[in-house]
Each structure stands twice: as structure tokens, then as C-alpha cells.
Amino acid sequence: MKAPRHLSALGLAIVGLAAAQPLPTVKLAGSTPPWVAGAALNTLPPEAAFRELYGGRADGVLGTLPGPRPPAGVGELVSVPVGLFPVSVVYTLPGVALRLDLPTLCLMLSGRVRVWNHARIRALNPGAELPNLPVLVSARVARNGVSLAAAGACVKAGIWPPAWLKSNWVAGASFTRAALGSQRADLNIPGVLMLLGPRDVPQDAQVAQLRSPGGAFVGPAAVALNSAAPYPGATSPLPSAPFRPLPPATEVGAYPLRGVVWLSVLKEQAYRGRRAAQAQALIRLAEGLQAGASTSESGGGFVGLPLNARPPLHLTFQGKRVELDGSSSASSP
């Protein structure tokens, strides 16, 4: 029996798979581990990760920055946010359990609060024995999502000028390091202050608490789904609503300093012998990351996005839009 004309046209316009057919595992490259099933990661620095993508050896790049402009002839690169991570404020002041607010942190990073016993820091830490030591900021000069997250927060707070919204700012840094390992070595210096991602904080490092909306001081572990109640007074560490692994940064009790995880792929998926199923697997993975959250220490503190902040990943295959049917979509009820 011949299919109706409108159904035939729809079949040509949408690339689909039967619900029963499993989608392949996604091959990712980059610096950020996926926090849901369905992907395997080849841990690489950003430049090498994108070479794997353009060479057809990886399906996508997962990292803390959107992808750069691709080389000529490669095709359009698409980067979508899929998750969030806490930015830790790490310091070396033996015996001091440090509390800060974002404005004071931004002033310290920019060199306008230069000593640890400054009046602003003393006001946030009553009773603490703050030494008369210089604040020695250690910053990375290579592009990184941790620096971009801090710059965004400081610019939004009105403490930094918009021109400082960069992923490799120097600001008031005493030490500028090209590599993460060199930066972490600075933690041996008394008075040092730096920003690190969740997988980069040494086990015995001192981590500051930040003032959240509402006034409570919270640490970066409060971002993880299984590590803290979602708001003061809550009795359960589970999210307060379905598909909501992380409260907005403006919500009472929320950890205020967060970075974004990006999934970068090529928009046209019919290249280097790829199949439509691989494109569909990328869409399913993006939806899963946006809706998911780490439930263990191995997840590294990365979590999905609030329900109202999940942009879709739009891909094409041979010029036709790639779609998932309802049973394959991670966002389906």
C-alpha cells in the first residue's frame, strides 16, 4: 500500500530510528567527564580534543568553554551548554576556615584587597586570626572555564569592568601560570589564593565558603545532588522538583560561583562516513547531560541544567534535521 504523500514528505524531512534500535555509544574528547551513561571520554586538552573531533575520531568535545572557530572547510561548529560545575576558592592560610562574599573575592582577585587582615575579610570572619600577609593570587593564563566563570560573576556584580570578561584574565595576579600543575604547586606558599574546578582541588587543600543569597555561607560541595540540602531547613538532599538537580544561583542557600559545561559538535553530521544513528546518539546524550546529575564522588561535582535553561541541540544529516522519537528522548515524560 502506497504511503500518503504527506507522510512520505515527513519521512524525507526527518532522520529517525525505530524506538527498539539502540543508539551507539558516543565518543567524547576533552577535559570534562560525562556524568550520565552513553558516552566514553578520551581525556585531552582542548586543542587536541578538537583535532580529534575534526578528524572524525571523536563525536564531540566536552569541556568548560564553547568551541573556537573551526578551520576552513570543516563546517559549522555548534556548542550548547549541558551542565554546571562549582568553582572552588582555594587558599593557604593554616588554621583559618575562610568565609568570603563575591564582592570581596572579586576585589581580592583584582588586587584591590591586598592583605589577608583587610577590614572586609575581617568583617566576614569574626574571631578568625587573619595574618598580616599579602593576598597572592595565582591565575592561569591559558583559556579555561574556571577563569571565565569568575570573570562573569565579578562583572555581573559590578566589581570588574566588562572588558575583563575573559577566560584567561590576569587582573591582580601575583603569579601567572601556563599549566594547572604549576598553579596548584603555588598552594605551598602561605597566603596564596586561586580558583579551581571540582576535579582539580587537592584532597588536603583549604576551600573557602561563599555567602549565598539569603546570607548563609556554603561550600562548593553544596552543588552536588547528594551532598547537601537544596535550601536551608530542607530535610532531604534531593531536588525540590523533578528534573531539577541544581537550584538557580539566585536561590536562597545556593552556591553562587559556577561554571558552564559545553558540548561541541559539528552541525552537519554526514561527514567521514558517519551514520544518522551517531547524530541521534549525540542529541540523546546532550539531553541526558542537561537532565542528569552526579550521584557519587566519581561524578566530580558536575550537574545538569535547570529545566527552563536547556537549549536543544539541533543537528542535520545530509541537510535534513535530525530528530529523536519520544521514546529515545531523555526529556520525554
C-alpha atoms as a PDB file:
ATOM      1  CA  MET A   1       0.000   0.000   0.000  1.00  0.00           C
ATOM      2  CA  LYS A   2       1.420   3.353  -1.013  1.00  0.00           C
ATOM      3  CA  ALA A   3       2.102   5.811   1.826  1.00  0.00           C
ATOM      4  CA  PRO A   4       0.185   9.117   1.769  1.00  0.00           C
ATOM      5  CA  ARG A   5       2.071  11.980   0.175  1.00  0.00           C
ATOM      6  CA  HIS A   6       2.324  13.994   3.431  1.00  0.00           C
ATOM      7  CA  LEU A   7       3.808  11.041   5.317  1.00  0.00           C
ATOM      8  CA  SER A   8       6.409  10.464   2.621  1.00  0.00           C
ATOM      9  CA  ALA A   9       7.452  14.095   2.785  1.00  0.00           C
ATOM     10  CA  LEU A  10       7.764  13.890   6.545  1.00  0.00           C
ATOM     11  CA  GLY A  11       9.949  10.816   6.251  1.00  0.00           C
ATOM     12  CA  LEU A  12      12.282  12.674   3.920  1.00  0.00           C
ATOM     13  CA  ALA A  13      12.470  15.705   6.196  1.00  0.00           C
ATOM     14  CA  ILE A  14      13.279  13.901   9.426  1.00  0.00           C
ATOM     15  CA  VAL A  15      16.056  11.395  10.051  1.00  0.00           C
ATOM     16  CA  GLY A  16      14.737   8.858  12.572  1.00  0.00           C
ATOM     17  CA  LEU A  17      15.336   5.441  14.070  1.00  0.00           C
ATOM     18  CA  ALA A  18      12.930   2.841  15.386  1.00  0.00           C
ATOM     19  CA  ALA A  19      12.495   3.035  19.132  1.00  0.00           C
ATOM     20  CA  ALA A  20      13.743  -0.512  19.619  1.00  0.00           C
ATOM     21  CA  GLN A  21      17.062   0.087  17.884  1.00  0.00           C
ATOM     22  CA  PRO A  22      19.776   1.013  20.414  1.00  0.00           C
ATOM     23  CA  LEU A  23      21.880   4.105  19.764  1.00  0.00           C
ATOM     24  CA  PRO A  24      25.677   3.785  19.691  1.00  0.00           C
ATOM     25  CA  THR A  25      27.981   4.923  22.493  1.00  0.00           C
ATOM     26  CA  VAL A  26      29.181   8.489  21.953  1.00  0.00           C
ATOM     27  CA  LYS A  27      32.933   9.005  21.722  1.00  0.00           C
ATOM     28  CA  LEU A  28      33.888  12.217  23.504  1.00  0.00           C
ATOM     29  CA  ALA A  29      37.188  14.039  23.820  1.00  0.00           C
ATOM     30  CA  GLY A  30      38.026  16.819  26.251  1.00  0.00           C
ATOM     31  CA  SER A  31      38.682  17.625  29.890  1.00  0.00           C
ATOM     32  CA  THR A  32      35.255  17.077  31.491  1.00  0.00           C
ATOM     33  CA  PRO A  33      33.899  13.604  32.319  1.00  0.00           C
ATOM     34  CA  PRO A  34      30.285  12.898  31.298  1.00  0.00           C
ATOM     35  CA  TRP A  35      28.004  12.377  34.308  1.00  0.00           C
ATOM     36  CA  VAL A  36      25.465  10.122  32.566  1.00  0.00           C
ATOM     37  CA  ALA A  37      25.752   6.808  30.748  1.00  0.00           C
ATOM     38  CA  GLY A  38      26.067   6.561  26.988  1.00  0.00           C
ATOM     39  CA  ALA A  39      29.480   8.143  26.387  1.00  0.00           C
ATOM     40  CA  ALA A  40      33.170   7.287  26.640  1.00  0.00           C
ATOM     41  CA  LEU A  41      35.761  10.028  27.245  1.00  0.00           C
ATOM     42  CA  ASN A  42      39.259  10.395  25.836  1.00  0.00           C
ATOM     43  CA  THR A  43      40.792  12.894  28.285  1.00  0.00           C
ATOM     44  CA  LEU A  44      42.662  15.513  26.273  1.00  0.00           C
ATOM     45  CA  PRO A  45      43.427  19.248  26.457  1.00  0.00           C
ATOM     46  CA  PRO A  46      41.075  21.422  24.369  1.00  0.00           C
ATOM     47  CA  GLU A  47      43.299  21.846  21.309  1.00  0.00           C
ATOM     48  CA  ALA A  48      43.923  18.119  20.986  1.00  0.00           C
ATOM     49  CA  ALA A  49      40.254  17.318  21.679  1.00  0.00           C
ATOM     50  CA  PHE A  50      39.058  19.470  18.786  1.00  0.00           C
ATOM     51  CA  ARG A  51      41.622  17.884  16.464  1.00  0.00           C
ATOM     52  CA  GLU A  52      40.013  14.528  17.331  1.00  0.00           C
ATOM     53  CA  LEU A  53      36.585  15.959  16.520  1.00  0.00           C
ATOM     54  CA  TYR A  54      37.617  17.450  13.171  1.00  0.00           C
ATOM     55  CA  GLY A  55      39.475  14.276  12.253  1.00  0.00           C
ATOM     56  CA  GLY A  56      36.360  12.138  12.810  1.00  0.00           C
ATOM     57  CA  ARG A  57      37.895  10.226  15.713  1.00  0.00           C
ATOM     58  CA  ALA A  58      35.523  11.789  18.282  1.00  0.00           C
ATOM     59  CA  ASP A  59      31.807  12.567  18.069  1.00  0.00           C
ATOM     60  CA  GLY A  60      32.016  15.637  20.295  1.00  0.00           C
ATOM     61  CA  VAL A  61      34.082  17.655  22.745  1.00  0.00           C
ATOM     62  CA  LEU A  62      33.006  18.098  26.381  1.00  0.00           C
ATOM     63  CA  GLY A  63      34.671  20.967  28.220  1.00  0.00           C
ATOM     64  CA  THR A  64      34.265  24.154  30.211  1.00  0.00           C
ATOM     65  CA  LEU A  65      34.466  26.541  27.237  1.00  0.00           C
ATOM     66  CA  PRO A  66      32.495  26.727  23.984  1.00  0.00           C
ATOM     67  CA  GLY A  67      34.436  25.637  20.929  1.00  0.00           C
ATOM     68  CA  PRO A  68      36.587  28.055  18.907  1.00  0.00           C
ATOM     69  CA  ARG A  69      36.011  28.859  15.248  1.00  0.00           C
ATOM     70  CA  PRO A  70      36.864  25.684  13.273  1.00  0.00           C
ATOM     71  CA  PRO A  71      39.420  25.612  10.439  1.00  0.00           C
ATOM     72  CA  ALA A  72      38.267  26.497   6.938  1.00  0.00           C
ATOM     73  CA  GLY A  73      36.409  23.672   5.208  1.00  0.00           C
ATOM     74  CA  VAL A  74      35.474  21.813   8.380  1.00  0.00           C
ATOM     75  CA  GLY A  75      31.878  23.008   8.631  1.00  0.00           C
ATOM     76  CA  GLU A  76      29.797  24.803  11.261  1.00  0.00           C
ATOM     77  CA  LEU A  77      30.605  24.066  14.896  1.00  0.00           C
ATOM     78  CA  VAL A  78      27.740  24.032  17.409  1.00  0.00           C
ATOM     79  CA  SER A  79      28.325  24.441  21.159  1.00  0.00           C
ATOM     80  CA  VAL A  80      25.453  24.046  23.635  1.00  0.00           C
ATOM     81  CA  PRO A  81      25.528  24.272  27.451  1.00  0.00           C
ATOM     82  CA  VAL A  82      24.782  20.916  29.063  1.00  0.00           C
ATOM     83  CA  GLY A  83      25.779  21.320  32.698  1.00  0.00           C
ATOM     84  CA  LEU A  84      27.214  23.339  35.553  1.00  0.00           C
ATOM     85  CA  PHE A  85      30.079  22.907  37.980  1.00  0.00           C
ATOM     86  CA  PRO A  86      31.166  24.667  41.197  1.00  0.00           C
ATOM     87  CA  VAL A  87      34.269  26.873  41.107  1.00  0.00           C
ATOM     88  CA  SER A  88      36.267  26.360  44.304  1.00  0.00           C
ATOM     89  CA  VAL A  89      38.093  29.224  46.046  1.00  0.00           C
ATOM     90  CA  VAL A  90      41.266  27.542  47.280  1.00  0.00           C
ATOM     91  CA  TYR A  91      43.768  29.205  49.609  1.00  0.00           C
ATOM     92  CA  THR A  92      46.649  28.540  52.004  1.00  0.00           C
ATOM     93  CA  LEU A  93      46.184  30.002  55.484  1.00  0.00           C
ATOM     94  CA  PRO A  94      46.836  27.287  58.089  1.00  0.00           C
ATOM     95  CA  GLY A  95      44.265  27.323  60.881  1.00  0.00           C
ATOM     96  CA  VAL A  96      41.840  29.714  59.120  1.00  0.00           C
ATOM     97  CA  ALA A  97      38.409  28.494  57.965  1.00  0.00           C
ATOM     98  CA  LEU A  98      37.755  31.246  55.442  1.00  0.00           C
ATOM     99  CA  ARG A  99      34.414  32.818  54.565  1.00  0.00           C
ATOM    100  CA  LEU A 100      34.017  35.288  51.702  1.00  0.00           C
ATOM    101  CA  ASP A 101      31.344  37.003  49.674  1.00  0.00           C
ATOM    102  CA  LEU A 102      31.566  37.507  45.926  1.00  0.00           C
ATOM    103  CA  PRO A 103      32.351  41.259  46.009  1.00  0.00           C
ATOM    104  CA  THR A 104      35.257  40.723  48.413  1.00  0.00           C
ATOM    105  CA  LEU A 105      36.551  37.799  46.371  1.00  0.00           C
ATOM    106  CA  CYS A 106      36.442  39.909  43.209  1.00  0.00           C
ATOM    107  CA  LEU A 107      38.350  42.707  44.948  1.00  0.00           C
ATOM    108  CA  MET A 108      40.989  40.202  46.084  1.00  0.00           C
ATOM    109  CA  LEU A 109      41.365  38.730  42.600  1.00  0.00           C
ATOM    110  CA  SER A 110      41.772  42.197  41.088  1.00  0.00           C
ATOM    111  CA  GLY A 111      44.380  43.316  43.626  1.00  0.00           C
ATOM    112  CA  ARG A 112      42.236  45.893  45.427  1.00  0.00           C
ATOM    113  CA  VAL A 113      42.122  43.901  48.659  1.00  0.00           C
ATOM    114  CA  ARG A 114      45.804  43.127  49.115  1.00  0.00           C
ATOM    115  CA  VAL A 115      46.216  41.755  52.657  1.00  0.00           C
ATOM    116  CA  TRP A 116      44.525  38.913  54.477  1.00  0.00           C
ATOM    117  CA  ASN A 117      43.670  41.017  57.547  1.00  0.00           C
ATOM    118  CA  HIS A 118      41.850  43.643  55.451  1.00  0.00           C
ATOM    119  CA  ALA A 119      38.739  45.090  57.098  1.00  0.00           C
ATOM    120  CA  ARG A 120      36.392  43.474  54.559  1.00  0.00           C
ATOM    121  CA  ILE A 121      37.803  39.997  55.220  1.00  0.00           C
ATOM    122  CA  ARG A 122      37.794  40.535  58.997  1.00  0.00           C
ATOM    123  CA  ALA A 123      34.121  41.510  58.877  1.00  0.00           C
ATOM    124  CA  LEU A 124      33.254  38.226  57.168  1.00  0.00           C
ATOM    125  CA  ASN A 125      35.376  36.153  59.555  1.00  0.00           C
ATOM    126  CA  PRO A 126      34.791  37.443  63.110  1.00  0.00           C
ATOM    127  CA  GLY A 127      37.119  35.870  65.611  1.00  0.00           C
ATOM    128  CA  ALA A 128      39.452  34.402  62.991  1.00  0.00           C
ATOM    129  CA  GLU A 129      43.181  35.051  63.380  1.00  0.00           C
ATOM    130  CA  LEU A 130      43.866  36.539  59.961  1.00  0.00           C
ATOM    131  CA  PRO A 131      47.579  37.130  59.337  1.00  0.00           C
ATOM    132  CA  ASN A 132      49.126  40.316  58.034  1.00  0.00           C
ATOM    133  CA  LEU A 133      50.193  38.550  54.838  1.00  0.00           C
ATOM    134  CA  PRO A 134      49.762  39.678  51.237  1.00  0.00           C
ATOM    135  CA  VAL A 135      46.992  38.065  49.181  1.00  0.00           C
ATOM    136  CA  LEU A 136      48.952  36.215  46.495  1.00  0.00           C
ATOM    137  CA  VAL A 137      46.583  35.429  43.616  1.00  0.00           C
ATOM    138  CA  SER A 138      47.650  32.620  41.285  1.00  0.00           C
ATOM    139  CA  ALA A 139      45.930  32.705  37.885  1.00  0.00           C
ATOM    140  CA  ARG A 140      46.142  30.617  34.716  1.00  0.00           C
ATOM    141  CA  VAL A 141      46.980  32.437  31.506  1.00  0.00           C
ATOM    142  CA  ALA A 142      45.641  29.644  29.278  1.00  0.00           C
ATOM    143  CA  ARG A 143      41.947  29.891  28.387  1.00  0.00           C
ATOM    144  CA  ASN A 144      39.825  27.991  30.921  1.00  0.00           C
ATOM    145  CA  GLY A 145      36.218  27.857  32.071  1.00  0.00           C
ATOM    146  CA  VAL A 146      37.058  28.445  35.736  1.00  0.00           C
ATOM    147  CA  SER A 147      38.541  31.864  34.991  1.00  0.00           C
ATOM    148  CA  LEU A 148      35.616  32.710  32.709  1.00  0.00           C
ATOM    149  CA  ALA A 149      33.101  31.809  35.429  1.00  0.00           C
ATOM    150  CA  ALA A 150      34.836  34.055  37.965  1.00  0.00           C
ATOM    151  CA  ALA A 151      35.110  36.915  35.489  1.00  0.00           C
ATOM    152  CA  GLY A 152      31.418  36.614  34.644  1.00  0.00           C
ATOM    153  CA  ALA A 153      30.433  36.723  38.318  1.00  0.00           C
ATOM    154  CA  CYS A 154      32.673  39.713  39.053  1.00  0.00           C
ATOM    155  CA  VAL A 155      31.462  41.662  36.014  1.00  0.00           C
ATOM    156  CA  LYS A 156      27.817  40.893  36.864  1.00  0.00           C
ATOM    157  CA  ALA A 157      28.417  42.100  40.431  1.00  0.00           C
ATOM    158  CA  GLY A 158      29.730  45.404  39.054  1.00  0.00           C
ATOM    159  CA  ILE A 159      33.179  44.928  40.620  1.00  0.00           C
ATOM    160  CA  TRP A 160      35.084  44.267  37.389  1.00  0.00           C
ATOM    161  CA  PRO A 161      34.732  46.249  34.148  1.00  0.00           C
ATOM    162  CA  PRO A 162      33.136  44.427  31.188  1.00  0.00           C
ATOM    163  CA  ALA A 163      36.496  44.415  29.384  1.00  0.00           C
ATOM    164  CA  TRP A 164      37.734  41.895  31.964  1.00  0.00           C
ATOM    165  CA  LEU A 165      35.173  39.286  30.899  1.00  0.00           C
ATOM    166  CA  LYS A 166      37.800  36.834  29.650  1.00  0.00           C
ATOM    167  CA  SER A 167      38.678  33.177  30.058  1.00  0.00           C
ATOM    168  CA  ASN A 168      42.360  33.981  30.673  1.00  0.00           C
ATOM    169  CA  TRP A 169      42.383  37.168  32.773  1.00  0.00           C
ATOM    170  CA  VAL A 170      45.407  38.250  34.805  1.00  0.00           C
ATOM    171  CA  ALA A 171      43.759  41.063  36.835  1.00  0.00           C
ATOM    172  CA  GLY A 172      45.705  41.461  40.105  1.00  0.00           C
ATOM    173  CA  ALA A 173      47.529  38.133  39.987  1.00  0.00           C
ATOM    174  CA  SER A 174      50.882  37.764  41.731  1.00  0.00           C
ATOM    175  CA  PHE A 175      51.612  34.530  39.841  1.00  0.00           C
ATOM    176  CA  THR A 176      50.577  33.701  36.269  1.00  0.00           C
ATOM    177  CA  ARG A 177      50.841  30.038  35.328  1.00  0.00           C
ATOM    178  CA  ALA A 178      50.514  28.382  31.958  1.00  0.00           C
ATOM    179  CA  ALA A 179      49.537  24.962  33.303  1.00  0.00           C
ATOM    180  CA  LEU A 180      47.281  23.662  36.067  1.00  0.00           C
ATOM    181  CA  GLY A 181      50.093  21.691  37.694  1.00  0.00           C
ATOM    182  CA  SER A 182      52.250  24.793  38.091  1.00  0.00           C
ATOM    183  CA  GLN A 183      49.322  26.693  39.549  1.00  0.00           C
ATOM    184  CA  ARG A 184      48.500  24.010  42.117  1.00  0.00           C
ATOM    185  CA  ALA A 185      52.158  23.968  43.209  1.00  0.00           C
ATOM    186  CA  ASP A 186      51.638  27.536  44.407  1.00  0.00           C
ATOM    187  CA  LEU A 187      49.488  26.156  47.233  1.00  0.00           C
ATOM    188  CA  ASN A 188      52.755  25.547  49.093  1.00  0.00           C
ATOM    189  CA  ILE A 189      53.083  29.335  49.503  1.00  0.00           C
ATOM    190  CA  PRO A 190      51.376  30.871  52.578  1.00  0.00           C
ATOM    191  CA  GLY A 191      48.824  33.484  51.590  1.00  0.00           C
ATOM    192  CA  VAL A 192      48.122  32.155  48.105  1.00  0.00           C
ATOM    193  CA  LEU A 193      44.617  32.281  46.603  1.00  0.00           C
ATOM    194  CA  MET A 194      43.360  30.574  43.448  1.00  0.00           C
ATOM    195  CA  LEU A 195      40.266  29.259  41.671  1.00  0.00           C
ATOM    196  CA  LEU A 196      39.977  25.589  40.693  1.00  0.00           C
ATOM    197  CA  GLY A 197      37.442  23.267  39.096  1.00  0.00           C
ATOM    198  CA  PRO A 198      35.903  20.370  41.042  1.00  0.00           C
ATOM    199  CA  ARG A 199      38.334  17.712  39.785  1.00  0.00           C
ATOM    200  CA  ASP A 200      41.417  19.882  40.329  1.00  0.00           C
ATOM    201  CA  VAL A 201      41.240  20.628  44.071  1.00  0.00           C
ATOM    202  CA  PRO A 202      43.925  18.697  46.020  1.00  0.00           C
ATOM    203  CA  GLN A 203      42.494  16.463  48.711  1.00  0.00           C
ATOM    204  CA  ASP A 204      44.085  18.345  51.622  1.00  0.00           C
ATOM    205  CA  ALA A 205      43.557  21.858  50.244  1.00  0.00           C
ATOM    206  CA  GLN A 206      41.710  24.594  52.135  1.00  0.00           C
ATOM    207  CA  VAL A 207      38.495  25.658  50.373  1.00  0.00           C
ATOM    208  CA  ALA A 208      36.593  28.817  51.289  1.00  0.00           C
ATOM    209  CA  GLN A 209      32.881  29.058  51.860  1.00  0.00           C
ATOM    210  CA  LEU A 210      30.983  31.739  49.925  1.00  0.00           C
ATOM    211  CA  ARG A 211      27.971  33.741  51.055  1.00  0.00           C
ATOM    212  CA  SER A 212      24.878  32.545  49.241  1.00  0.00           C
ATOM    213  CA  PRO A 213      21.691  34.515  48.579  1.00  0.00           C
ATOM    214  CA  GLY A 214      19.969  34.791  51.945  1.00  0.00           C
ATOM    215  CA  GLY A 215      23.228  35.117  53.869  1.00  0.00           C
ATOM    216  CA  ALA A 216      24.259  31.523  54.593  1.00  0.00           C
ATOM    217  CA  PHE A 217      27.864  30.524  53.866  1.00  0.00           C
ATOM    218  CA  VAL A 218      28.122  27.377  51.743  1.00  0.00           C
ATOM    219  CA  GLY A 219      30.921  25.406  50.135  1.00  0.00           C
ATOM    220  CA  PRO A 220      31.179  24.102  46.570  1.00  0.00           C
ATOM    221  CA  ALA A 221      30.093  20.616  47.666  1.00  0.00           C
ATOM    222  CA  ALA A 222      26.581  22.024  48.064  1.00  0.00           C
ATOM    223  CA  VAL A 223      26.226  21.913  44.285  1.00  0.00           C
ATOM    224  CA  ALA A 224      26.299  18.109  44.189  1.00  0.00           C
ATOM    225  CA  LEU A 225      22.920  16.394  44.250  1.00  0.00           C
ATOM    226  CA  ASN A 226      23.794  14.045  47.091  1.00  0.00           C
ATOM    227  CA  SER A 227      25.898  16.284  49.305  1.00  0.00           C
ATOM    228  CA  ALA A 228      23.668  18.981  50.752  1.00  0.00           C
ATOM    229  CA  ALA A 229      20.090  20.053  51.227  1.00  0.00           C
ATOM    230  CA  PRO A 230      18.859  22.254  48.352  1.00  0.00           C
ATOM    231  CA  TYR A 231      17.947  25.121  50.704  1.00  0.00           C
ATOM    232  CA  PRO A 232      18.337  25.975  54.405  1.00  0.00           C
ATOM    233  CA  GLY A 233      15.985  23.961  56.570  1.00  0.00           C
ATOM    234  CA  ALA A 234      15.380  21.248  53.969  1.00  0.00           C
ATOM    235  CA  THR A 235      15.412  17.723  55.377  1.00  0.00           C
ATOM    236  CA  SER A 236      16.267  15.912  52.139  1.00  0.00           C
ATOM    237  CA  PRO A 237      19.279  16.314  49.835  1.00  0.00           C
ATOM    238  CA  LEU A 238      17.068  15.512  46.844  1.00  0.00           C
ATOM    239  CA  PRO A 239      15.983  18.301  44.499  1.00  0.00           C
ATOM    240  CA  SER A 240      12.768  20.107  45.391  1.00  0.00           C
ATOM    241  CA  ALA A 241      11.192  19.411  41.980  1.00  0.00           C
ATOM    242  CA  PRO A 242      11.530  16.724  39.282  1.00  0.00           C
ATOM    243  CA  PHE A 243      14.362  17.224  36.770  1.00  0.00           C
ATOM    244  CA  ARG A 244      15.859  19.998  38.853  1.00  0.00           C
ATOM    245  CA  PRO A 245      19.297  18.843  40.042  1.00  0.00           C
ATOM    246  CA  LEU A 246      20.553  22.342  40.845  1.00  0.00           C
ATOM    247  CA  PRO A 247      18.744  25.393  42.239  1.00  0.00           C
ATOM    248  CA  PRO A 248      19.317  28.707  40.443  1.00  0.00           C
ATOM    249  CA  ALA A 249      22.321  30.710  41.682  1.00  0.00           C
ATOM    250  CA  THR A 250      19.912  33.370  42.958  1.00  0.00           C
ATOM    251  CA  GLU A 251      18.013  30.942  45.197  1.00  0.00           C
ATOM    252  CA  VAL A 252      18.470  31.095  48.956  1.00  0.00           C
ATOM    253  CA  GLY A 253      21.247  28.751  50.046  1.00  0.00           C
ATOM    254  CA  ALA A 254      22.686  28.196  46.559  1.00  0.00           C
ATOM    255  CA  TYR A 255      26.428  28.155  45.948  1.00  0.00           C
ATOM    256  CA  PRO A 256      26.956  31.340  43.907  1.00  0.00           C
ATOM    257  CA  LEU A 257      30.110  30.678  41.850  1.00  0.00           C
ATOM    258  CA  ARG A 258      29.530  28.246  38.965  1.00  0.00           C
ATOM    259  CA  GLY A 259      30.943  27.479  35.557  1.00  0.00           C
ATOM    260  CA  VAL A 260      29.269  26.022  32.477  1.00  0.00           C
ATOM    261  CA  VAL A 261      29.996  22.716  30.724  1.00  0.00           C
ATOM    262  CA  TRP A 262      29.684  22.803  26.916  1.00  0.00           C
ATOM    263  CA  LEU A 263      29.154  20.046  24.357  1.00  0.00           C
ATOM    264  CA  SER A 264      30.670  20.995  20.975  1.00  0.00           C
ATOM    265  CA  VAL A 265      29.866  19.070  17.781  1.00  0.00           C
ATOM    266  CA  LEU A 266      29.696  19.658  14.055  1.00  0.00           C
ATOM    267  CA  LYS A 267      26.206  20.671  12.981  1.00  0.00           C
ATOM    268  CA  GLU A 268      26.212  18.650   9.736  1.00  0.00           C
ATOM    269  CA  GLN A 269      26.758  15.080  10.854  1.00  0.00           C
ATOM    270  CA  ALA A 270      27.158  13.385   7.449  1.00  0.00           C
ATOM    271  CA  TYR A 271      30.944  13.508   7.321  1.00  0.00           C
ATOM    272  CA  ARG A 272      33.778  10.958   7.330  1.00  0.00           C
ATOM    273  CA  GLY A 273      31.426   8.002   6.975  1.00  0.00           C
ATOM    274  CA  ARG A 274      29.242   8.843   9.976  1.00  0.00           C
ATOM    275  CA  ARG A 275      25.772   7.335  10.357  1.00  0.00           C
ATOM    276  CA  ALA A 276      22.498   9.002  11.294  1.00  0.00           C
ATOM    277  CA  ALA A 277      22.411   6.906  14.472  1.00  0.00           C
ATOM    278  CA  GLN A 278      25.572   8.629  15.697  1.00  0.00           C
ATOM    279  CA  ALA A 279      23.905  12.023  15.301  1.00  0.00           C
ATOM    280  CA  GLN A 280      20.873  10.807  17.227  1.00  0.00           C
ATOM    281  CA  ALA A 281      23.104   9.471  19.990  1.00  0.00           C
ATOM    282  CA  LEU A 282      24.650  12.940  20.352  1.00  0.00           C
ATOM    283  CA  ILE A 283      21.222  14.523  20.793  1.00  0.00           C
ATOM    284  CA  ARG A 284      20.216  11.895  23.333  1.00  0.00           C
ATOM    285  CA  LEU A 285      23.482  12.452  25.239  1.00  0.00           C
ATOM    286  CA  ALA A 286      23.003  16.238  25.291  1.00  0.00           C
ATOM    287  CA  GLU A 287      19.503  15.818  26.723  1.00  0.00           C
ATOM    288  CA  GLY A 288      20.745  13.294  29.266  1.00  0.00           C
ATOM    289  CA  LEU A 289      23.551  15.575  30.455  1.00  0.00           C
ATOM    290  CA  GLN A 290      21.195  18.532  30.770  1.00  0.00           C
ATOM    291  CA  ALA A 291      18.723  16.493  32.837  1.00  0.00           C
ATOM    292  CA  GLY A 292      21.241  14.458  34.845  1.00  0.00           C
ATOM    293  CA  ALA A 293      23.416  14.950  37.891  1.00  0.00           C
ATOM    294  CA  SER A 294      26.332  13.288  39.582  1.00  0.00           C
ATOM    295  CA  THR A 295      25.212  10.949  42.351  1.00  0.00           C
ATOM    296  CA  SER A 296      28.653   9.948  43.613  1.00  0.00           C
ATOM    297  CA  GLU A 297      32.150  11.227  44.244  1.00  0.00           C
ATOM    298  CA  SER A 298      33.229   9.890  40.853  1.00  0.00           C
ATOM    299  CA  GLY A 299      30.937  12.372  39.134  1.00  0.00           C
ATOM    300  CA  GLY A 300      33.267  15.202  40.025  1.00  0.00           C
ATOM    301  CA  GLY A 301      30.574  17.703  41.026  1.00  0.00           C
ATOM    302  CA  PHE A 302      29.146  18.239  37.539  1.00  0.00           C
ATOM    303  CA  VAL A 303      25.361  18.533  37.283  1.00  0.00           C
ATOM    304  CA  GLY A 304      22.716  19.261  34.664  1.00  0.00           C
ATOM    305  CA  LEU A 305      20.783  22.439  33.964  1.00  0.00           C
ATOM    306  CA  PRO A 306      17.504  23.729  35.418  1.00  0.00           C
ATOM    307  CA  LEU A 307      14.509  22.616  33.400  1.00  0.00           C
ATOM    308  CA  ASN A 308      13.894  26.060  31.911  1.00  0.00           C
ATOM    309  CA  ALA A 309      17.517  26.504  30.785  1.00  0.00           C
ATOM    310  CA  ARG A 310      18.158  23.566  28.448  1.00  0.00           C
ATOM    311  CA  PRO A 311      18.722  24.677  24.863  1.00  0.00           C
ATOM    312  CA  PRO A 312      18.176  21.881  22.329  1.00  0.00           C
ATOM    313  CA  LEU A 313      20.987  20.524  20.181  1.00  0.00           C
ATOM    314  CA  HIS A 314      19.968  20.967  16.536  1.00  0.00           C
ATOM    315  CA  LEU A 315      21.864  18.767  14.060  1.00  0.00           C
ATOM    316  CA  THR A 316      21.438  17.856  10.407  1.00  0.00           C
ATOM    317  CA  PHE A 317      22.269  14.756   8.406  1.00  0.00           C
ATOM    318  CA  GLN A 318      22.615  15.215   4.659  1.00  0.00           C
ATOM    319  CA  GLY A 319      20.879  18.549   5.066  1.00  0.00           C
ATOM    320  CA  LYS A 320      17.836  17.153   6.913  1.00  0.00           C
ATOM    321  CA  ARG A 321      17.147  17.858  10.575  1.00  0.00           C
ATOM    322  CA  VAL A 322      17.916  15.013  12.965  1.00  0.00           C
ATOM    323  CA  GLU A 323      15.153  14.117  15.431  1.00  0.00           C
ATOM    324  CA  LEU A 324      14.635  11.561  18.180  1.00  0.00           C
ATOM    325  CA  ASP A 325      11.298   9.846  18.615  1.00  0.00           C
ATOM    326  CA  GLY A 326       9.598  10.252  22.004  1.00  0.00           C
ATOM    327  CA  SER A 327      10.904   7.007  23.492  1.00  0.00           C
ATOM    328  CA  SER A 328      14.521   7.910  22.677  1.00  0.00           C
ATOM    329  CA  SER A 329      14.458  11.410  24.171  1.00  0.00           C
ATOM    330  CA  ALA A 330      15.820  11.970  27.659  1.00  0.00           C
ATOM    331  CA  SER A 331      13.368  14.836  28.086  1.00  0.00           C
ATOM    332  CA  SER A 332      10.292  12.710  27.450  1.00  0.00           C
ATOM    333  CA  PRO A 333       7.899  12.148  30.382  1.00  0.00           C
END
